């Protein structure tokens, strides 16, 4: 009986052990749910803050660890916000994109600004406008500090003008040659006239005191001094000695009937020249009308005289041009 009981006990034990030896599936680890993790962390943080608040004498400070959690929460909520924006007809990119900050115009100029700056850089500075509104300015002639020369200051422009007429002479040793400024602005006038199909020639320029002796002496020999004085200057009184005078083309009355003479009469002042002996003013200038004889005085004075349609003597308030005595050779 005891054997039977023992055998029964052993069998029961064996059966129980066999049941314990079977493989049962282990419980799966909890899924790392961000929401659960976050809730757990928030709960722990809240508990920590509660414990901190319960400590007497201490002031609770914001937890630095909580800041990443807030960022994470915003990042997790972003898809939901994007979906909501998309349902309202807005794109997710528009909702999430930050507002761009425009760079200063000086750092990132537009193409139009760059083009404008390029034009301003390469643009040539504007030329000083002469009173006649031409594209350049003819400056006043040079002034010499030489005994025997007579200058008068124009009250309207402040320009000093060298006087050379029957009333004002120059010393024999004054020999400036043809002034550079005279030739320069004649060349400009000549070029502009040529563009209009007109021909201007420098037929006579500077003459020294001794050159004029020969010229005037020849006329005196031919027609006498009284007649010669009406169209030729005595030595020391000729404007050609100033280096500021040019005789154009044919140097005779025929020039006055040419298109060139008409053009010079209307435009010479723009280049700083005047018709020195105008028509109808022979009693003032002392010489007959000479449309070919031009005198350089600069743009300012030339324009003033042109606007008044007068001669140099009248403009400056000078007496009529007359010799003080007869020619003695």
C-alpha atoms as a PDB file:
ATOM      1  CA  UNK A   1       0.000   0.000   0.000  1.00  0.00           C
ATOM      2  CA  UNK A   2       2.760   2.320   0.893  1.00  0.00           C
ATOM      3  CA  UNK A   3       4.470   1.459  -2.410  1.00  0.00           C
ATOM      4  CA  UNK A   4       1.309   2.304  -4.309  1.00  0.00           C
ATOM      5  CA  UNK A   5       1.020   5.612  -2.459  1.00  0.00           C
ATOM      6  CA  UNK A   6       4.669   6.393  -3.093  1.00  0.00           C
ATOM      7  CA  UNK A   7       4.330   5.582  -6.778  1.00  0.00           C
ATOM      8  CA  UNK A   8       1.241   7.745  -7.022  1.00  0.00           C
ATOM      9  CA  UNK A   9       3.017  10.635  -5.356  1.00  0.00           C
ATOM     10  CA  UNK A  10       6.027  10.333  -7.634  1.00  0.00           C
ATOM     11  CA  UNK A  11       3.832  10.247 -10.729  1.00  0.00           C
ATOM     12  CA  UNK A  12       1.932  13.252  -9.608  1.00  0.00           C
ATOM     13  CA  UNK A  13       5.206  15.124  -9.053  1.00  0.00           C
ATOM     14  CA  UNK A  14       6.517  14.116 -12.436  1.00  0.00           C
ATOM     15  CA  UNK A  15       3.354  15.243 -14.142  1.00  0.00           C
ATOM     16  CA  UNK A  16       3.579  18.573 -12.372  1.00  0.00           C
ATOM     17  CA  UNK A  17       7.207  19.023 -13.369  1.00  0.00           C
ATOM     18  CA  UNK A  18       6.386  18.239 -16.957  1.00  0.00           C
ATOM     19  CA  UNK A  19       3.813  20.969 -16.963  1.00  0.00           C
ATOM     20  CA  UNK A  20       6.326  23.450 -15.544  1.00  0.00           C
ATOM     21  CA  UNK A  21       8.858  22.697 -18.249  1.00  0.00           C
ATOM     22  CA  UNK A  22       6.686  23.942 -21.139  1.00  0.00           C
ATOM     23  CA  UNK A  23       7.847  27.235 -22.903  1.00  0.00           C
ATOM     24  CA  UNK A  24       5.411  29.988 -22.293  1.00  0.00           C
ATOM     25  CA  UNK A  25       5.688  33.281 -24.247  1.00  0.00           C
ATOM     26  CA  UNK A  26       7.367  35.977 -22.280  1.00  0.00           C
ATOM     27  CA  UNK A  27       5.447  39.233 -21.825  1.00  0.00           C
ATOM     28  CA  UNK A  28       6.332  41.803 -24.489  1.00  0.00           C
ATOM     29  CA  UNK A  29       8.241  44.884 -23.302  1.00  0.00           C
ATOM     30  CA  UNK A  30       6.150  48.015 -23.195  1.00  0.00           C
ATOM     31  CA  UNK A  31       6.136  50.030 -26.432  1.00  0.00           C
ATOM     32  CA  UNK A  32       8.074  53.287 -26.225  1.00  0.00           C
ATOM     33  CA  UNK A  33       5.034  55.461 -26.611  1.00  0.00           C
ATOM     34  CA  UNK A  34       6.118  59.120 -26.848  1.00  0.00           C
ATOM     35  CA  UNK A  35       2.847  60.203 -25.379  1.00  0.00           C
ATOM     36  CA  UNK A  36       3.138  57.810 -22.440  1.00  0.00           C
ATOM     37  CA  UNK A  37       6.811  58.637 -21.973  1.00  0.00           C
ATOM     38  CA  UNK A  38       6.077  62.288 -22.099  1.00  0.00           C
ATOM     39  CA  UNK A  39       3.181  61.931 -19.690  1.00  0.00           C
ATOM     40  CA  UNK A  40       5.428  59.941 -17.354  1.00  0.00           C
ATOM     41  CA  UNK A  41       8.204  62.516 -17.593  1.00  0.00           C
ATOM     42  CA  UNK A  42       5.767  65.332 -17.040  1.00  0.00           C
ATOM     43  CA  UNK A  43       4.368  63.510 -14.024  1.00  0.00           C
ATOM     44  CA  UNK A  44       7.872  62.998 -12.652  1.00  0.00           C
ATOM     45  CA  UNK A  45       8.713  66.636 -13.326  1.00  0.00           C
ATOM     46  CA  UNK A  46       5.514  67.791 -11.667  1.00  0.00           C
ATOM     47  CA  UNK A  47       6.255  65.546  -8.675  1.00  0.00           C
ATOM     48  CA  UNK A  48       9.771  66.942  -8.466  1.00  0.00           C
ATOM     49  CA  UNK A  49       8.484  70.493  -8.621  1.00  0.00           C
ATOM     50  CA  UNK A  50       5.894  69.690  -5.945  1.00  0.00           C
ATOM     51  CA  UNK A  51       8.611  68.302  -3.723  1.00  0.00           C
ATOM     52  CA  UNK A  52      10.761  71.372  -4.406  1.00  0.00           C
ATOM     53  CA  UNK A  53       7.913  73.711  -3.552  1.00  0.00           C
ATOM     54  CA  UNK A  54       7.405  71.887  -0.264  1.00  0.00           C
ATOM     55  CA  UNK A  55      10.990  72.624   0.757  1.00  0.00           C
ATOM     56  CA  UNK A  56      10.856  75.757   2.955  1.00  0.00           C
ATOM     57  CA  UNK A  57      13.131  78.715   2.213  1.00  0.00           C
ATOM     58  CA  UNK A  58      13.744  77.792  -1.438  1.00  0.00           C
ATOM     59  CA  UNK A  59      12.306  79.354  -4.606  1.00  0.00           C
ATOM     60  CA  UNK A  60      11.510  77.019  -7.465  1.00  0.00           C
ATOM     61  CA  UNK A  61      13.203  77.782 -10.796  1.00  0.00           C
ATOM     62  CA  UNK A  62      12.112  76.621 -14.224  1.00  0.00           C
ATOM     63  CA  UNK A  63      13.556  73.264 -15.002  1.00  0.00           C
ATOM     64  CA  UNK A  64      15.977  73.236 -17.912  1.00  0.00           C
ATOM     65  CA  UNK A  65      15.054  69.653 -18.598  1.00  0.00           C
ATOM     66  CA  UNK A  66      11.484  70.683 -19.267  1.00  0.00           C
ATOM     67  CA  UNK A  67      12.442  72.889 -22.206  1.00  0.00           C
ATOM     68  CA  UNK A  68      13.410  70.024 -24.524  1.00  0.00           C
ATOM     69  CA  UNK A  69      10.098  68.366 -23.593  1.00  0.00           C
ATOM     70  CA  UNK A  70       8.181  71.457 -24.740  1.00  0.00           C
ATOM     71  CA  UNK A  71      10.103  71.495 -28.009  1.00  0.00           C
ATOM     72  CA  UNK A  72       9.403  67.826 -28.469  1.00  0.00           C
ATOM     73  CA  UNK A  73       5.724  68.411 -27.782  1.00  0.00           C
ATOM     74  CA  UNK A  74       5.625  71.197 -30.397  1.00  0.00           C
ATOM     75  CA  UNK A  75       7.422  68.969 -32.888  1.00  0.00           C
ATOM     76  CA  UNK A  76       4.919  66.200 -32.229  1.00  0.00           C
ATOM     77  CA  UNK A  77       2.017  68.594 -32.617  1.00  0.00           C
ATOM     78  CA  UNK A  78       3.392  70.033 -35.893  1.00  0.00           C
ATOM     79  CA  UNK A  79       2.027  67.233 -38.099  1.00  0.00           C
ATOM     80  CA  UNK A  80      -1.409  67.730 -36.604  1.00  0.00           C
ATOM     81  CA  UNK A  81      -1.210  71.496 -37.210  1.00  0.00           C
ATOM     82  CA  UNK A  82      -0.019  70.903 -40.746  1.00  0.00           C
ATOM     83  CA  UNK A  83      -2.904  68.549 -41.439  1.00  0.00           C
ATOM     84  CA  UNK A  84      -5.316  71.100 -40.041  1.00  0.00           C
ATOM     85  CA  UNK A  85      -3.838  73.834 -42.224  1.00  0.00           C
ATOM     86  CA  UNK A  86      -4.046  71.567 -45.277  1.00  0.00           C
ATOM     87  CA  UNK A  87      -7.727  70.918 -44.553  1.00  0.00           C
ATOM     88  CA  UNK A  88      -8.274  74.669 -44.564  1.00  0.00           C
ATOM     89  CA  UNK A  89      -6.715  75.014 -48.062  1.00  0.00           C
ATOM     90  CA  UNK A  90      -3.269  76.041 -46.872  1.00  0.00           C
ATOM     91  CA  UNK A  91      -0.059  74.208 -47.685  1.00  0.00           C
ATOM     92  CA  UNK A  92       2.031  72.702 -44.941  1.00  0.00           C
ATOM     93  CA  UNK A  93       5.130  74.493 -46.183  1.00  0.00           C
ATOM     94  CA  UNK A  94       3.443  77.885 -45.980  1.00  0.00           C
ATOM     95  CA  UNK A  95       2.300  77.270 -42.447  1.00  0.00           C
ATOM     96  CA  UNK A  96       5.660  76.100 -41.210  1.00  0.00           C
ATOM     97  CA  UNK A  97       8.043  78.340 -43.209  1.00  0.00           C
ATOM     98  CA  UNK A  98       9.580  81.237 -41.262  1.00  0.00           C
ATOM     99  CA  UNK A  99       9.140  84.766 -42.533  1.00  0.00           C
ATOM    100  CA  UNK A 100      12.182  85.711 -44.618  1.00  0.00           C
ATOM    101  CA  UNK A 101      14.084  88.816 -43.623  1.00  0.00           C
ATOM    102  CA  UNK A 102      15.015  91.051 -46.563  1.00  0.00           C
ATOM    103  CA  UNK A 103      18.663  91.972 -46.835  1.00  0.00           C
ATOM    104  CA  UNK A 104      19.514  95.678 -46.902  1.00  0.00           C
ATOM    105  CA  UNK A 105      19.333  97.183 -50.386  1.00  0.00           C
ATOM    106  CA  UNK A 106      22.952  98.249 -50.136  1.00  0.00           C
ATOM    107  CA  UNK A 107      24.035  94.604 -49.635  1.00  0.00           C
ATOM    108  CA  UNK A 108      21.849  92.882 -52.214  1.00  0.00           C
ATOM    109  CA  UNK A 109      21.015  95.501 -54.890  1.00  0.00           C
ATOM    110  CA  UNK A 110      18.501  94.578 -57.533  1.00  0.00           C
ATOM    111  CA  UNK A 111      19.500  94.369 -61.191  1.00  0.00           C
ATOM    112  CA  UNK A 112      17.889  97.726 -61.873  1.00  0.00           C
ATOM    113  CA  UNK A 113      19.843  99.291 -59.009  1.00  0.00           C
ATOM    114  CA  UNK A 114      23.080  97.761 -60.284  1.00  0.00           C
ATOM    115  CA  UNK A 115      22.400  99.091 -63.782  1.00  0.00           C
ATOM    116  CA  UNK A 116      21.652 102.544 -62.403  1.00  0.00           C
ATOM    117  CA  UNK A 117      24.855 102.540 -60.358  1.00  0.00           C
ATOM    118  CA  UNK A 118      26.860 101.401 -63.398  1.00  0.00           C
ATOM    119  CA  UNK A 119      25.460 104.285 -65.421  1.00  0.00           C
ATOM    120  CA  UNK A 120      26.264 106.759 -62.626  1.00  0.00           C
ATOM    121  CA  UNK A 121      29.819 105.401 -62.370  1.00  0.00           C
ATOM    122  CA  UNK A 122      30.537 105.590 -66.089  1.00  0.00           C
ATOM    123  CA  UNK A 123      28.611 108.699 -66.737  1.00  0.00           C
ATOM    124  CA  UNK A 124      30.806 111.551 -67.486  1.00  0.00           C
ATOM    125  CA  UNK A 125      30.446 114.600 -65.336  1.00  0.00           C
ATOM    126  CA  UNK A 126      28.188 117.476 -67.032  1.00  0.00           C
ATOM    127  CA  UNK A 127      30.113 120.260 -68.759  1.00  0.00           C
ATOM    128  CA  UNK A 128      29.711 123.802 -67.470  1.00  0.00           C
ATOM    129  CA  UNK A 129      27.067 125.488 -69.548  1.00  0.00           C
ATOM    130  CA  UNK A 130      28.059 128.743 -71.188  1.00  0.00           C
ATOM    131  CA  UNK A 131      25.431 131.496 -71.229  1.00  0.00           C
ATOM    132  CA  UNK A 132      24.617 130.546 -74.821  1.00  0.00           C
ATOM    133  CA  UNK A 133      23.617 127.032 -73.650  1.00  0.00           C
ATOM    134  CA  UNK A 134      26.258 125.323 -75.754  1.00  0.00           C
ATOM    135  CA  UNK A 135      27.900 122.052 -74.784  1.00  0.00           C
ATOM    136  CA  UNK A 136      31.137 123.586 -73.538  1.00  0.00           C
ATOM    137  CA  UNK A 137      32.476 126.684 -71.840  1.00  0.00           C
ATOM    138  CA  UNK A 138      35.033 128.943 -73.523  1.00  0.00           C
ATOM    139  CA  UNK A 139      37.096 130.483 -70.710  1.00  0.00           C
ATOM    140  CA  UNK A 140      38.325 134.088 -70.568  1.00  0.00           C
ATOM    141  CA  UNK A 141      41.572 134.854 -72.411  1.00  0.00           C
ATOM    142  CA  UNK A 142      44.874 135.081 -70.499  1.00  0.00           C
ATOM    143  CA  UNK A 143      45.962 138.251 -68.749  1.00  0.00           C
ATOM    144  CA  UNK A 144      49.538 139.577 -68.868  1.00  0.00           C
ATOM    145  CA  UNK A 145      51.189 141.837 -66.315  1.00  0.00           C
ATOM    146  CA  UNK A 146      53.246 143.790 -68.820  1.00  0.00           C
ATOM    147  CA  UNK A 147      53.789 147.570 -68.822  1.00  0.00           C
ATOM    148  CA  UNK A 148      52.147 149.259 -71.791  1.00  0.00           C
ATOM    149  CA  UNK A 149      49.116 146.922 -71.928  1.00  0.00           C
ATOM    150  CA  UNK A 150      45.661 148.271 -71.054  1.00  0.00           C
ATOM    151  CA  UNK A 151      43.018 146.042 -69.496  1.00  0.00           C
ATOM    152  CA  UNK A 152      39.479 146.871 -68.480  1.00  0.00           C
ATOM    153  CA  UNK A 153      37.309 144.733 -66.213  1.00  0.00           C
ATOM    154  CA  UNK A 154      33.888 143.920 -67.589  1.00  0.00           C
ATOM    155  CA  UNK A 155      31.400 144.935 -64.850  1.00  0.00           C
ATOM    156  CA  UNK A 156      28.921 142.265 -65.964  1.00  0.00           C
ATOM    157  CA  UNK A 157      31.230 139.236 -65.902  1.00  0.00           C
ATOM    158  CA  UNK A 158      34.350 140.334 -64.036  1.00  0.00           C
ATOM    159  CA  UNK A 159      36.511 139.300 -67.002  1.00  0.00           C
ATOM    160  CA  UNK A 160      39.567 141.409 -67.768  1.00  0.00           C
ATOM    161  CA  UNK A 161      39.702 142.431 -71.428  1.00  0.00           C
ATOM    162  CA  UNK A 162      42.841 143.554 -73.247  1.00  0.00           C
ATOM    163  CA  UNK A 163      42.186 146.733 -75.243  1.00  0.00           C
ATOM    164  CA  UNK A 164      43.663 147.185 -78.710  1.00  0.00           C
ATOM    165  CA  UNK A 165      42.186 149.889 -80.910  1.00  0.00           C
ATOM    166  CA  UNK A 166      43.031 153.303 -82.338  1.00  0.00           C
ATOM    167  CA  UNK A 167      42.739 154.624 -78.782  1.00  0.00           C
ATOM    168  CA  UNK A 168      44.803 151.903 -77.002  1.00  0.00           C
ATOM    169  CA  UNK A 169      48.210 150.701 -78.191  1.00  0.00           C
ATOM    170  CA  UNK A 170      50.599 147.871 -77.214  1.00  0.00           C
ATOM    171  CA  UNK A 171      54.396 147.908 -76.843  1.00  0.00           C
ATOM    172  CA  UNK A 172      56.459 146.620 -79.738  1.00  0.00           C
ATOM    173  CA  UNK A 173      57.962 143.818 -77.654  1.00  0.00           C
ATOM    174  CA  UNK A 174      54.600 142.323 -76.696  1.00  0.00           C
ATOM    175  CA  UNK A 175      54.615 139.113 -78.742  1.00  0.00           C
ATOM    176  CA  UNK A 176      52.364 136.375 -77.271  1.00  0.00           C
ATOM    177  CA  UNK A 177      51.808 134.518 -80.543  1.00  0.00           C
ATOM    178  CA  UNK A 178      48.424 133.019 -81.348  1.00  0.00           C
ATOM    179  CA  UNK A 179      46.940 132.089 -77.972  1.00  0.00           C
ATOM    180  CA  UNK A 180      46.212 128.394 -77.414  1.00  0.00           C
ATOM    181  CA  UNK A 181      42.689 129.154 -76.270  1.00  0.00           C
ATOM    182  CA  UNK A 182      42.021 131.125 -79.459  1.00  0.00           C
ATOM    183  CA  UNK A 183      43.073 128.230 -81.661  1.00  0.00           C
ATOM    184  CA  UNK A 184      41.324 125.623 -79.521  1.00  0.00           C
ATOM    185  CA  UNK A 185      37.904 127.222 -79.730  1.00  0.00           C
ATOM    186  CA  UNK A 186      38.302 128.168 -83.347  1.00  0.00           C
ATOM    187  CA  UNK A 187      38.931 124.492 -84.078  1.00  0.00           C
ATOM    188  CA  UNK A 188      35.740 123.607 -82.224  1.00  0.00           C
ATOM    189  CA  UNK A 189      33.794 126.176 -84.209  1.00  0.00           C
ATOM    190  CA  UNK A 190      35.367 125.023 -87.446  1.00  0.00           C
ATOM    191  CA  UNK A 191      34.449 121.393 -86.690  1.00  0.00           C
ATOM    192  CA  UNK A 192      30.830 122.231 -85.865  1.00  0.00           C
ATOM    193  CA  UNK A 193      30.518 124.361 -88.970  1.00  0.00           C
ATOM    194  CA  UNK A 194      31.879 121.504 -91.073  1.00  0.00           C
ATOM    195  CA  UNK A 195      29.178 119.250 -89.622  1.00  0.00           C
ATOM    196  CA  UNK A 196      26.698 121.713 -91.150  1.00  0.00           C
ATOM    197  CA  UNK A 197      28.436 121.538 -94.502  1.00  0.00           C
ATOM    198  CA  UNK A 198      30.228 124.873 -94.014  1.00  0.00           C
ATOM    199  CA  UNK A 199      33.905 125.637 -94.501  1.00  0.00           C
ATOM    200  CA  UNK A 200      35.843 127.948 -92.198  1.00  0.00           C
ATOM    201  CA  UNK A 201      39.520 128.666 -92.793  1.00  0.00           C
ATOM    202  CA  UNK A 202      42.029 130.386 -90.563  1.00  0.00           C
ATOM    203  CA  UNK A 203      43.491 132.751 -93.157  1.00  0.00           C
ATOM    204  CA  UNK A 204      45.307 135.128 -90.816  1.00  0.00           C
ATOM    205  CA  UNK A 205      46.049 134.920 -87.089  1.00  0.00           C
ATOM    206  CA  UNK A 206      48.781 136.411 -84.979  1.00  0.00           C
ATOM    207  CA  UNK A 207      50.879 139.266 -86.346  1.00  0.00           C
ATOM    208  CA  UNK A 208      53.773 140.813 -84.496  1.00  0.00           C
ATOM    209  CA  UNK A 209      54.373 144.540 -84.267  1.00  0.00           C
ATOM    210  CA  UNK A 210      56.873 144.255 -87.100  1.00  0.00           C
ATOM    211  CA  UNK A 211      54.589 142.143 -89.286  1.00  0.00           C
ATOM    212  CA  UNK A 212      51.963 144.851 -88.994  1.00  0.00           C
ATOM    213  CA  UNK A 213      54.469 147.478 -90.034  1.00  0.00           C
ATOM    214  CA  UNK A 214      54.869 145.703 -93.355  1.00  0.00           C
ATOM    215  CA  UNK A 215      51.129 145.168 -93.891  1.00  0.00           C
ATOM    216  CA  UNK A 216      50.071 148.701 -93.012  1.00  0.00           C
ATOM    217  CA  UNK A 217      53.002 150.243 -94.874  1.00  0.00           C
ATOM    218  CA  UNK A 218      51.927 148.425 -98.022  1.00  0.00           C
ATOM    219  CA  UNK A 219      48.402 149.844 -97.822  1.00  0.00           C
ATOM    220  CA  UNK A 220      49.697 153.339 -97.157  1.00  0.00           C
ATOM    221  CA  UNK A 221      51.866 153.043-100.215  1.00  0.00           C
ATOM    222  CA  UNK A 222      48.888 151.917-102.309  1.00  0.00           C
ATOM    223  CA  UNK A 223      46.018 154.138-101.063  1.00  0.00           C
ATOM    224  CA  UNK A 224      47.516 156.570 -98.544  1.00  0.00           C
ATOM    225  CA  UNK A 225      47.199 156.621 -94.757  1.00  0.00           C
ATOM    226  CA  UNK A 226      43.747 158.205 -94.566  1.00  0.00           C
ATOM    227  CA  UNK A 227      42.131 155.419 -96.557  1.00  0.00           C
ATOM    228  CA  UNK A 228      44.353 152.762 -95.058  1.00  0.00           C
ATOM    229  CA  UNK A 229      43.238 153.804 -91.564  1.00  0.00           C
ATOM    230  CA  UNK A 230      39.654 152.789 -92.381  1.00  0.00           C
ATOM    231  CA  UNK A 231      40.486 149.096 -92.769  1.00  0.00           C
ATOM    232  CA  UNK A 232      44.034 148.501 -91.482  1.00  0.00           C
ATOM    233  CA  UNK A 233      45.631 149.228 -88.105  1.00  0.00           C
ATOM    234  CA  UNK A 234      48.877 150.983 -87.541  1.00  0.00           C
ATOM    235  CA  UNK A 235      51.753 149.027 -85.928  1.00  0.00           C
ATOM    236  CA  UNK A 236      51.146 148.636 -82.190  1.00  0.00           C
ATOM    237  CA  UNK A 237      47.367 149.187 -82.557  1.00  0.00           C
ATOM    238  CA  UNK A 238      46.392 146.010 -84.374  1.00  0.00           C
ATOM    239  CA  UNK A 239      44.245 143.417 -82.607  1.00  0.00           C
ATOM    240  CA  UNK A 240      46.206 140.727 -84.425  1.00  0.00           C
ATOM    241  CA  UNK A 241      49.120 141.504 -82.079  1.00  0.00           C
ATOM    242  CA  UNK A 242      47.015 140.362 -79.093  1.00  0.00           C
ATOM    243  CA  UNK A 243      47.011 136.746 -80.314  1.00  0.00           C
ATOM    244  CA  UNK A 244      43.228 136.717 -79.885  1.00  0.00           C
ATOM    245  CA  UNK A 245      42.128 137.448 -83.465  1.00  0.00           C
ATOM    246  CA  UNK A 246      41.494 135.326 -86.554  1.00  0.00           C
ATOM    247  CA  UNK A 247      40.594 136.447 -90.063  1.00  0.00           C
ATOM    248  CA  UNK A 248      38.395 133.961 -91.889  1.00  0.00           C
ATOM    249  CA  UNK A 249      38.355 132.686 -95.441  1.00  0.00           C
ATOM    250  CA  UNK A 250      38.667 135.325 -98.187  1.00  0.00           C
ATOM    251  CA  UNK A 251      39.307 138.325 -95.891  1.00  0.00           C
ATOM    252  CA  UNK A 252      37.222 140.638 -98.065  1.00  0.00           C
ATOM    253  CA  UNK A 253      33.679 141.887 -98.518  1.00  0.00           C
ATOM    254  CA  UNK A 254      32.660 138.822-100.540  1.00  0.00           C
ATOM    255  CA  UNK A 255      32.767 136.729 -97.379  1.00  0.00           C
ATOM    256  CA  UNK A 256      29.795 138.668 -95.995  1.00  0.00           C
ATOM    257  CA  UNK A 257      27.541 137.133 -98.666  1.00  0.00           C
ATOM    258  CA  UNK A 258      28.363 133.510 -97.855  1.00  0.00           C
ATOM    259  CA  UNK A 259      26.466 130.978 -95.709  1.00  0.00           C
ATOM    260  CA  UNK A 260      29.607 130.735 -93.574  1.00  0.00           C
ATOM    261  CA  UNK A 261      29.429 134.440 -92.677  1.00  0.00           C
ATOM    262  CA  UNK A 262      25.768 134.122 -91.698  1.00  0.00           C
ATOM    263  CA  UNK A 263      26.507 131.074 -89.549  1.00  0.00           C
ATOM    264  CA  UNK A 264      29.484 132.760 -87.837  1.00  0.00           C
ATOM    265  CA  UNK A 265      27.393 135.835 -87.044  1.00  0.00           C
ATOM    266  CA  UNK A 266      24.844 133.623 -85.252  1.00  0.00           C
ATOM    267  CA  UNK A 267      27.157 131.150 -83.524  1.00  0.00           C
ATOM    268  CA  UNK A 268      30.584 132.713 -82.965  1.00  0.00           C
ATOM    269  CA  UNK A 269      29.657 133.837 -79.426  1.00  0.00           C
ATOM    270  CA  UNK A 270      29.017 130.212 -78.442  1.00  0.00           C
ATOM    271  CA  UNK A 271      32.733 129.602 -78.933  1.00  0.00           C
ATOM    272  CA  UNK A 272      33.877 132.800 -77.198  1.00  0.00           C
ATOM    273  CA  UNK A 273      34.245 134.985 -80.336  1.00  0.00           C
ATOM    274  CA  UNK A 274      32.647 138.274 -81.374  1.00  0.00           C
ATOM    275  CA  UNK A 275      32.415 140.034 -84.720  1.00  0.00           C
ATOM    276  CA  UNK A 276      34.813 142.764 -83.710  1.00  0.00           C
ATOM    277  CA  UNK A 277      33.764 145.362 -86.296  1.00  0.00           C
ATOM    278  CA  UNK A 278      29.993 145.012 -86.848  1.00  0.00           C
ATOM    279  CA  UNK A 279      28.077 146.556 -89.712  1.00  0.00           C
ATOM    280  CA  UNK A 280      26.834 150.096 -89.093  1.00  0.00           C
ATOM    281  CA  UNK A 281      29.232 150.844 -86.217  1.00  0.00           C
ATOM    282  CA  UNK A 282      32.189 152.180 -88.184  1.00  0.00           C
ATOM    283  CA  UNK A 283      32.072 155.544 -86.365  1.00  0.00           C
ATOM    284  CA  UNK A 284      32.463 153.747 -83.010  1.00  0.00           C
ATOM    285  CA  UNK A 285      34.975 151.011 -83.809  1.00  0.00           C
ATOM    286  CA  UNK A 286      37.005 153.160 -86.230  1.00  0.00           C
ATOM    287  CA  UNK A 287      36.948 150.461 -88.939  1.00  0.00           C
ATOM    288  CA  UNK A 288      34.673 149.361 -91.741  1.00  0.00           C
ATOM    289  CA  UNK A 289      32.468 146.307 -91.399  1.00  0.00           C
ATOM    290  CA  UNK A 290      34.604 143.175 -91.359  1.00  0.00           C
ATOM    291  CA  UNK A 291      32.477 139.994 -91.042  1.00  0.00           C
ATOM    292  CA  UNK A 292      35.634 137.851 -91.303  1.00  0.00           C
ATOM    293  CA  UNK A 293      37.433 139.474 -88.327  1.00  0.00           C
ATOM    294  CA  UNK A 294      36.594 137.628 -85.088  1.00  0.00           C
ATOM    295  CA  UNK A 295      38.052 138.373 -81.630  1.00  0.00           C
ATOM    296  CA  UNK A 296      38.220 135.905 -78.771  1.00  0.00           C
ATOM    297  CA  UNK A 297      36.879 137.194 -75.421  1.00  0.00           C
ATOM    298  CA  UNK A 298      35.422 134.013 -73.867  1.00  0.00           C
ATOM    299  CA  UNK A 299      31.855 132.736 -73.702  1.00  0.00           C
ATOM    300  CA  UNK A 300      30.572 135.077 -71.022  1.00  0.00           C
ATOM    301  CA  UNK A 301      31.600 138.366 -72.585  1.00  0.00           C
ATOM    302  CA  UNK A 302      30.870 137.189 -76.128  1.00  0.00           C
ATOM    303  CA  UNK A 303      27.338 136.191 -75.193  1.00  0.00           C
ATOM    304  CA  UNK A 304      26.686 139.490 -73.425  1.00  0.00           C
ATOM    305  CA  UNK A 305      27.791 141.417 -76.520  1.00  0.00           C
ATOM    306  CA  UNK A 306      25.828 139.138 -78.856  1.00  0.00           C
ATOM    307  CA  UNK A 307      22.646 139.553 -76.835  1.00  0.00           C
ATOM    308  CA  UNK A 308      22.985 143.326 -77.005  1.00  0.00           C
ATOM    309  CA  UNK A 309      23.886 143.256 -80.724  1.00  0.00           C
ATOM    310  CA  UNK A 310      26.557 145.856 -80.120  1.00  0.00           C
ATOM    311  CA  UNK A 311      30.332 146.329 -80.366  1.00  0.00           C
ATOM    312  CA  UNK A 312      33.071 146.055 -77.756  1.00  0.00           C
ATOM    313  CA  UNK A 313      33.460 149.816 -77.284  1.00  0.00           C
ATOM    314  CA  UNK A 314      29.766 150.394 -76.628  1.00  0.00           C
ATOM    315  CA  UNK A 315      29.485 147.343 -74.369  1.00  0.00           C
ATOM    316  CA  UNK A 316      32.380 148.485 -72.171  1.00  0.00           C
ATOM    317  CA  UNK A 317      31.392 152.154 -72.271  1.00  0.00           C
ATOM    318  CA  UNK A 318      34.583 153.203 -74.048  1.00  0.00           C
ATOM    319  CA  UNK A 319      34.999 156.318 -76.201  1.00  0.00           C
ATOM    320  CA  UNK A 320      34.974 156.007 -79.976  1.00  0.00           C
ATOM    321  CA  UNK A 321      38.126 154.489 -81.393  1.00  0.00           C
ATOM    322  CA  UNK A 322      40.277 157.277 -82.835  1.00  0.00           C
ATOM    323  CA  UNK A 323      43.968 157.949 -83.327  1.00  0.00           C
ATOM    324  CA  UNK A 324      45.381 160.879 -81.448  1.00  0.00           C
ATOM    325  CA  UNK A 325      47.248 162.205 -84.497  1.00  0.00           C
ATOM    326  CA  UNK A 326      48.239 161.653 -88.104  1.00  0.00           C
ATOM    327  CA  UNK A 327      50.483 158.815 -89.143  1.00  0.00           C
ATOM    328  CA  UNK A 328      54.093 159.884 -89.403  1.00  0.00           C
ATOM    329  CA  UNK A 329      55.593 156.635 -90.635  1.00  0.00           C
END
